Amino acid sequence: MAFVPPGAGYDRAITVFSPDGKLFQVQYAQEAVKRGLTALGIKVNEGVILAAEKRVRSRLVEETSIEKIFQVDEHIGAAASGLIADARVLIDHARIEAQINRLRYDEAISVEALAKRIGDTKQLYTQHGGVRPFGARLLIAGVDGKRPSLFETDPSGVVAAYKCQAIGGGAQTVTDFFEKRYDEKLSLEDAILLALEALRQVVEGDFTEENVEMAVIPVKTGRFEKLSNEEIAKYIKKLGPKPQTKSAKE
């Protein structure tokens, strides 16, 4: 009798749990995120920052068409990692939810409420036949009044609040960096520099404004602002060269 692996057959349908309680299609979606480029979010008292690694694979591609950070509402933005096509669908849904809230209640949606609605949508795609989970993680950031917020939504539908968080292929490296360097009392400008320094840990090759995307939502204005290449270049210059690591022989 041939040996049958424990998970055999249970990854063929999204609605079937394996004997050890796993939904393999959800796990595969999470793996798709891990293969994506790195994105991160930082929340400080003065606002929220989103940053993402951007890779233009050909000089024939228009750089402006590569987008990892999106505006959702006047006060909310989101960074994505994984299958960006899936993320784009979720962003469109988030924008509709934000506008529905304005029409229904005559007020802007809260960051937490929007994150939970996106989480609910993701969860629905883990329990119906004929669909698959979204292969994307989102970092949803914004300012409600004078309160900055940062949430992550997972392919499984889990929603969690963070002070700072990273998603994508370099998430663990960036998280380890944040564990040592993060302080919520940082100024917004210092937090921008911290975000760039964290992203520099995982970007391959030269670290320039062409392979970084950034946005800020200051508490002072409460409005989403995407940084231009010129502004990012100034911050990278201010950051200075990357410290040289000592070799094992030294």
Protein backbone atom coordinates (compact mmCIF):
# COMPACT_ATOMS: atom_id res chain seq x y z
CA MET A 1 0.00 0.00 0.00
CA ALA A 2 1.42 3.39 -1.05
CA PHE A 3 2.22 5.97 1.59
CA VAL A 4 -0.23 8.93 1.61
CA PRO A 5 1.06 12.21 3.04
CA PRO A 6 -1.05 13.60 5.93
CA GLY A 7 -2.17 16.65 3.91
CA ALA A 8 -2.91 14.81 0.65
CA GLY A 9 -6.12 15.98 -0.97
CA TYR A 10 -6.94 18.61 1.66
CA ASP A 11 -5.40 21.43 -0.41
CA ARG A 12 -7.77 20.86 -3.32
CA ALA A 13 -10.71 22.69 -1.76
CA ILE A 14 -10.74 25.88 0.25
CA THR A 15 -13.60 24.72 2.47
CA VAL A 16 -12.01 21.49 3.75
CA PHE A 17 -9.99 21.38 6.96
CA SER A 18 -7.11 18.91 7.19
CA PRO A 19 -7.14 16.46 10.15
CA ASP A 20 -4.76 18.76 12.05
CA GLY A 21 -7.06 21.78 11.60
CA LYS A 22 -5.35 23.57 8.72
CA LEU A 23 -6.72 25.27 5.63
CA PHE A 24 -3.91 24.64 3.17
CA GLN A 25 -5.10 27.16 0.59
CA VAL A 26 -4.89 29.91 3.23
CA GLN A 27 -1.36 28.82 4.10
CA TYR A 28 -0.41 28.89 0.42
CA ALA A 29 -1.76 32.45 0.19
CA GLN A 30 0.40 33.42 3.16
CA GLU A 31 3.41 31.93 1.37
CA ALA A 32 2.62 34.10 -1.66
CA VAL A 33 2.90 37.15 0.60
CA LYS A 34 6.30 36.00 1.90
CA ARG A 35 7.56 35.94 -1.69
CA GLY A 36 6.49 39.54 -2.26
CA LEU A 37 8.59 42.67 -1.83
CA THR A 38 8.86 44.22 1.62
CA ALA A 39 6.52 46.92 2.90
CA LEU A 40 6.37 48.46 6.36
CA GLY A 41 4.41 50.83 8.54
CA ILE A 42 5.46 52.92 11.54
CA LYS A 43 3.13 54.70 13.99
CA VAL A 44 4.46 57.52 16.15
CA ASN A 45 2.76 60.25 18.14
CA GLU A 46 3.06 62.72 15.24
CA GLY A 47 1.57 60.44 12.58
CA VAL A 48 1.92 57.27 10.53
CA ILE A 49 4.41 56.32 7.81
CA LEU A 50 4.14 53.70 5.08
CA ALA A 51 7.14 52.60 3.02
CA ALA A 52 7.60 49.88 0.44
CA GLU A 53 10.29 48.35 -1.69
CA LYS A 54 9.72 48.99 -5.38
CA ARG A 55 11.46 47.01 -8.11
CA VAL A 56 11.29 48.05 -11.78
CA ARG A 57 12.34 44.93 -13.69
CA SER A 58 12.96 46.65 -17.02
CA ARG A 59 14.03 50.11 -18.12
CA LEU A 60 11.20 49.94 -20.64
CA VAL A 61 8.58 49.97 -17.87
CA GLU A 62 7.12 53.30 -16.78
CA GLU A 63 8.23 53.70 -13.17
CA THR A 64 5.02 55.49 -12.15
CA SER A 65 2.96 52.42 -13.09
CA ILE A 66 4.57 50.36 -10.31
CA GLU A 67 2.58 51.09 -7.17
CA LYS A 68 2.71 49.47 -3.72
CA ILE A 69 1.20 52.26 -1.60
CA PHE A 70 -2.34 53.44 -2.24
CA GLN A 71 -4.56 56.25 -1.00
CA VAL A 72 -7.87 54.91 0.31
CA ASP A 73 -9.47 58.07 1.72
CA GLU A 74 -8.29 61.55 2.63
CA HIS A 75 -6.97 60.27 5.97
CA ILE A 76 -6.15 56.63 5.16
CA GLY A 77 -3.51 54.87 3.07
CA ALA A 78 -2.48 51.25 2.58
CA ALA A 79 0.71 49.40 1.64
CA ALA A 80 0.54 45.96 0.04
CA SER A 81 2.74 42.92 -0.37
CA GLY A 82 2.10 39.67 -2.22
CA LEU A 83 -0.04 39.50 -5.33
CA ILE A 84 -0.53 43.18 -6.12
CA ALA A 85 -3.43 42.39 -8.48
CA ASP A 86 -5.28 40.89 -5.49
CA ALA A 87 -4.29 43.89 -3.38
CA ARG A 88 -5.66 46.27 -5.99
CA VAL A 89 -9.09 44.59 -5.79
CA LEU A 90 -9.05 44.94 -2.00
CA ILE A 91 -8.01 48.60 -2.25
CA ASP A 92 -10.92 49.31 -4.60
CA HIS A 93 -13.24 47.61 -2.11
CA ALA A 94 -11.76 49.67 0.73
CA ARG A 95 -12.32 52.90 -1.20
CA ILE A 96 -15.96 51.98 -1.80
CA GLU A 97 -16.44 51.18 1.90
CA ALA A 98 -14.92 54.55 2.84
CA GLN A 99 -17.29 56.41 0.50
CA ILE A 100 -20.34 54.43 1.65
CA ASN A 101 -19.53 55.43 5.22
CA ARG A 102 -19.42 59.12 4.23
CA LEU A 103 -22.76 58.87 2.42
CA ARG A 104 -24.48 56.83 5.13
CA TYR A 105 -23.17 58.57 8.26
CA ASP A 106 -21.84 61.89 6.89
CA GLU A 107 -18.44 61.25 8.44
CA ALA A 108 -15.11 59.67 7.57
CA ILE A 109 -14.70 55.98 8.35
CA SER A 110 -12.33 55.10 11.19
CA VAL A 111 -9.13 53.25 10.36
CA GLU A 112 -10.10 50.35 12.62
CA ALA A 113 -13.56 49.97 11.06
CA LEU A 114 -12.11 49.95 7.55
CA ALA A 115 -9.43 47.40 8.48
CA LYS A 116 -12.06 45.10 9.98
CA ARG A 117 -14.24 45.33 6.87
CA ILE A 118 -11.31 44.34 4.68
CA GLY A 119 -10.55 41.52 7.12
CA ASP A 120 -14.17 40.37 6.85
CA THR A 121 -13.93 40.32 3.05
CA LYS A 122 -10.73 38.27 3.20
CA GLN A 123 -12.31 35.83 5.65
CA LEU A 124 -15.30 35.27 3.32
CA TYR A 125 -12.87 34.10 0.66
CA THR A 126 -11.65 31.32 2.95
CA GLN A 127 -15.01 29.56 3.40
CA HIS A 128 -16.74 29.49 0.01
CA GLY A 129 -16.25 27.03 -2.82
CA GLY A 130 -15.23 28.36 -6.22
CA VAL A 131 -13.02 31.13 -4.83
CA ARG A 132 -9.52 31.31 -3.39
CA PRO A 133 -8.01 33.43 -0.59
CA PHE A 134 -6.51 36.80 -1.47
CA GLY A 135 -2.74 36.37 -1.80
CA ALA A 136 -1.98 39.77 -0.31
CA ARG A 137 -1.36 41.38 3.05
CA LEU A 138 -2.28 45.02 3.64
CA LEU A 139 -0.93 47.53 6.12
CA ILE A 140 -3.74 50.04 6.63
CA ALA A 141 -2.66 53.32 8.21
CA GLY A 142 -4.43 56.56 8.99
CA VAL A 143 -5.34 59.27 11.47
CA ASP A 144 -8.70 59.53 13.24
CA GLY A 145 -8.93 63.04 14.62
CA LYS A 146 -5.60 63.27 16.39
CA ARG A 147 -5.09 59.53 16.88
CA PRO A 148 -2.77 57.67 14.46
CA SER A 149 -3.50 53.99 13.76
CA LEU A 150 -1.80 51.11 11.98
CA PHE A 151 -3.45 47.75 11.19
CA GLU A 152 -2.44 44.63 9.32
CA THR A 153 -4.87 42.33 7.48
CA ASP A 154 -3.80 38.75 6.81
CA PRO A 155 -5.03 36.43 3.96
CA SER A 156 -6.93 34.47 6.62
CA GLY A 157 -8.92 37.56 7.58
CA VAL A 158 -7.09 38.22 10.86
CA VAL A 159 -6.84 41.94 11.71
CA ALA A 160 -4.30 43.22 14.24
CA ALA A 161 -3.15 46.66 15.40
CA TYR A 162 0.57 47.48 15.51
CA LYS A 163 2.96 50.23 16.53
CA CYS A 164 5.18 49.19 13.63
CA GLN A 165 5.01 46.20 11.33
CA ALA A 166 6.60 44.75 8.20
CA ILE A 167 5.19 42.41 5.55
CA GLY A 168 6.70 40.61 2.57
CA GLY A 169 9.94 38.76 1.98
CA GLY A 170 12.11 40.86 4.29
CA ALA A 171 9.56 41.13 7.11
CA GLN A 172 11.60 39.23 9.71
CA THR A 173 14.76 41.27 9.09
CA VAL A 174 12.85 44.55 9.36
CA THR A 175 10.96 43.39 12.47
CA ASP A 176 14.23 42.50 14.20
CA PHE A 177 15.53 45.96 13.30
CA PHE A 178 12.41 47.62 14.73
CA GLU A 179 12.74 45.64 17.97
CA LYS A 180 16.06 47.39 18.58
CA ARG A 181 15.37 50.87 17.22
CA TYR A 182 11.66 51.73 17.44
CA ASP A 183 10.39 54.41 19.83
CA GLU A 184 6.87 55.82 19.57
CA LYS A 185 8.17 59.20 20.81
CA LEU A 186 10.19 59.70 17.61
CA SER A 187 9.39 62.77 15.56
CA LEU A 188 7.73 62.19 12.19
CA GLU A 189 10.95 63.09 10.37
CA ASP A 190 13.02 60.71 12.50
CA ALA A 191 10.43 57.99 11.86
CA ILE A 192 10.79 58.54 8.11
CA LEU A 193 14.54 58.07 8.44
CA LEU A 194 13.96 54.95 10.57
CA ALA A 195 11.63 53.54 7.89
CA LEU A 196 14.23 54.13 5.19
CA GLU A 197 17.00 52.63 7.28
CA ALA A 198 14.84 49.55 7.95
CA LEU A 199 14.00 49.16 4.28
CA ARG A 200 17.67 49.55 3.36
CA GLN A 201 18.37 46.33 5.30
CA VAL A 202 16.47 44.27 2.70
CA VAL A 203 16.72 46.16 -0.60
CA GLU A 204 19.13 44.49 -3.00
CA GLY A 205 21.66 46.61 -4.85
CA ASP A 206 21.81 50.40 -4.66
CA PHE A 207 19.35 52.03 -2.29
CA THR A 208 17.90 54.98 -4.20
CA GLU A 209 14.62 56.88 -4.47
CA GLU A 210 13.82 54.78 -7.56
CA ASN A 211 13.32 51.59 -5.56
CA VAL A 212 11.43 53.09 -2.61
CA GLU A 213 7.87 54.31 -2.24
CA MET A 214 6.72 56.30 0.79
CA ALA A 215 3.67 58.05 2.20
CA VAL A 216 2.98 59.89 5.46
CA ILE A 217 -0.20 60.85 7.30
CA PRO A 218 0.69 63.55 9.83
CA VAL A 219 -1.56 64.09 12.86
CA LYS A 220 -1.24 67.84 12.24
CA THR A 221 -3.08 67.72 8.90
CA GLY A 222 -4.73 64.30 9.07
CA ARG A 223 -4.23 63.93 5.32
CA PHE A 224 -2.52 61.25 3.25
CA GLU A 225 0.60 62.60 1.53
CA LYS A 226 2.71 60.59 -0.90
CA LEU A 227 6.36 61.62 -1.00
CA SER A 228 7.88 62.50 -4.35
CA ASN A 229 11.14 60.96 -5.58
CA GLU A 230 12.87 64.27 -4.87
CA GLU A 231 11.68 64.26 -1.23
CA ILE A 232 12.70 60.62 -0.76
CA ALA A 233 16.13 61.37 -2.27
CA LYS A 234 16.64 64.16 0.30
CA TYR A 235 15.85 61.81 3.17
CA ILE A 236 18.13 59.09 1.78
CA LYS A 237 20.93 61.66 1.52
CA LYS A 238 20.26 62.73 5.10
CA LEU A 239 20.38 59.08 6.18
CA GLY A 240 23.93 58.79 4.92
CA PRO A 241 25.82 55.72 3.66
CA LYS A 242 25.07 52.28 5.02
CA PRO A 243 27.47 51.28 7.83
CA GLN A 244 29.97 48.65 6.73
CA THR A 245 29.61 45.35 8.58
CA LYS A 246 32.80 43.80 9.91
CA SER A 247 33.80 40.46 8.44
CA ALA A 248 34.14 37.36 10.63
CA LYS A 249 37.95 37.42 10.20
CA GLU A 250 38.17 40.90 11.69
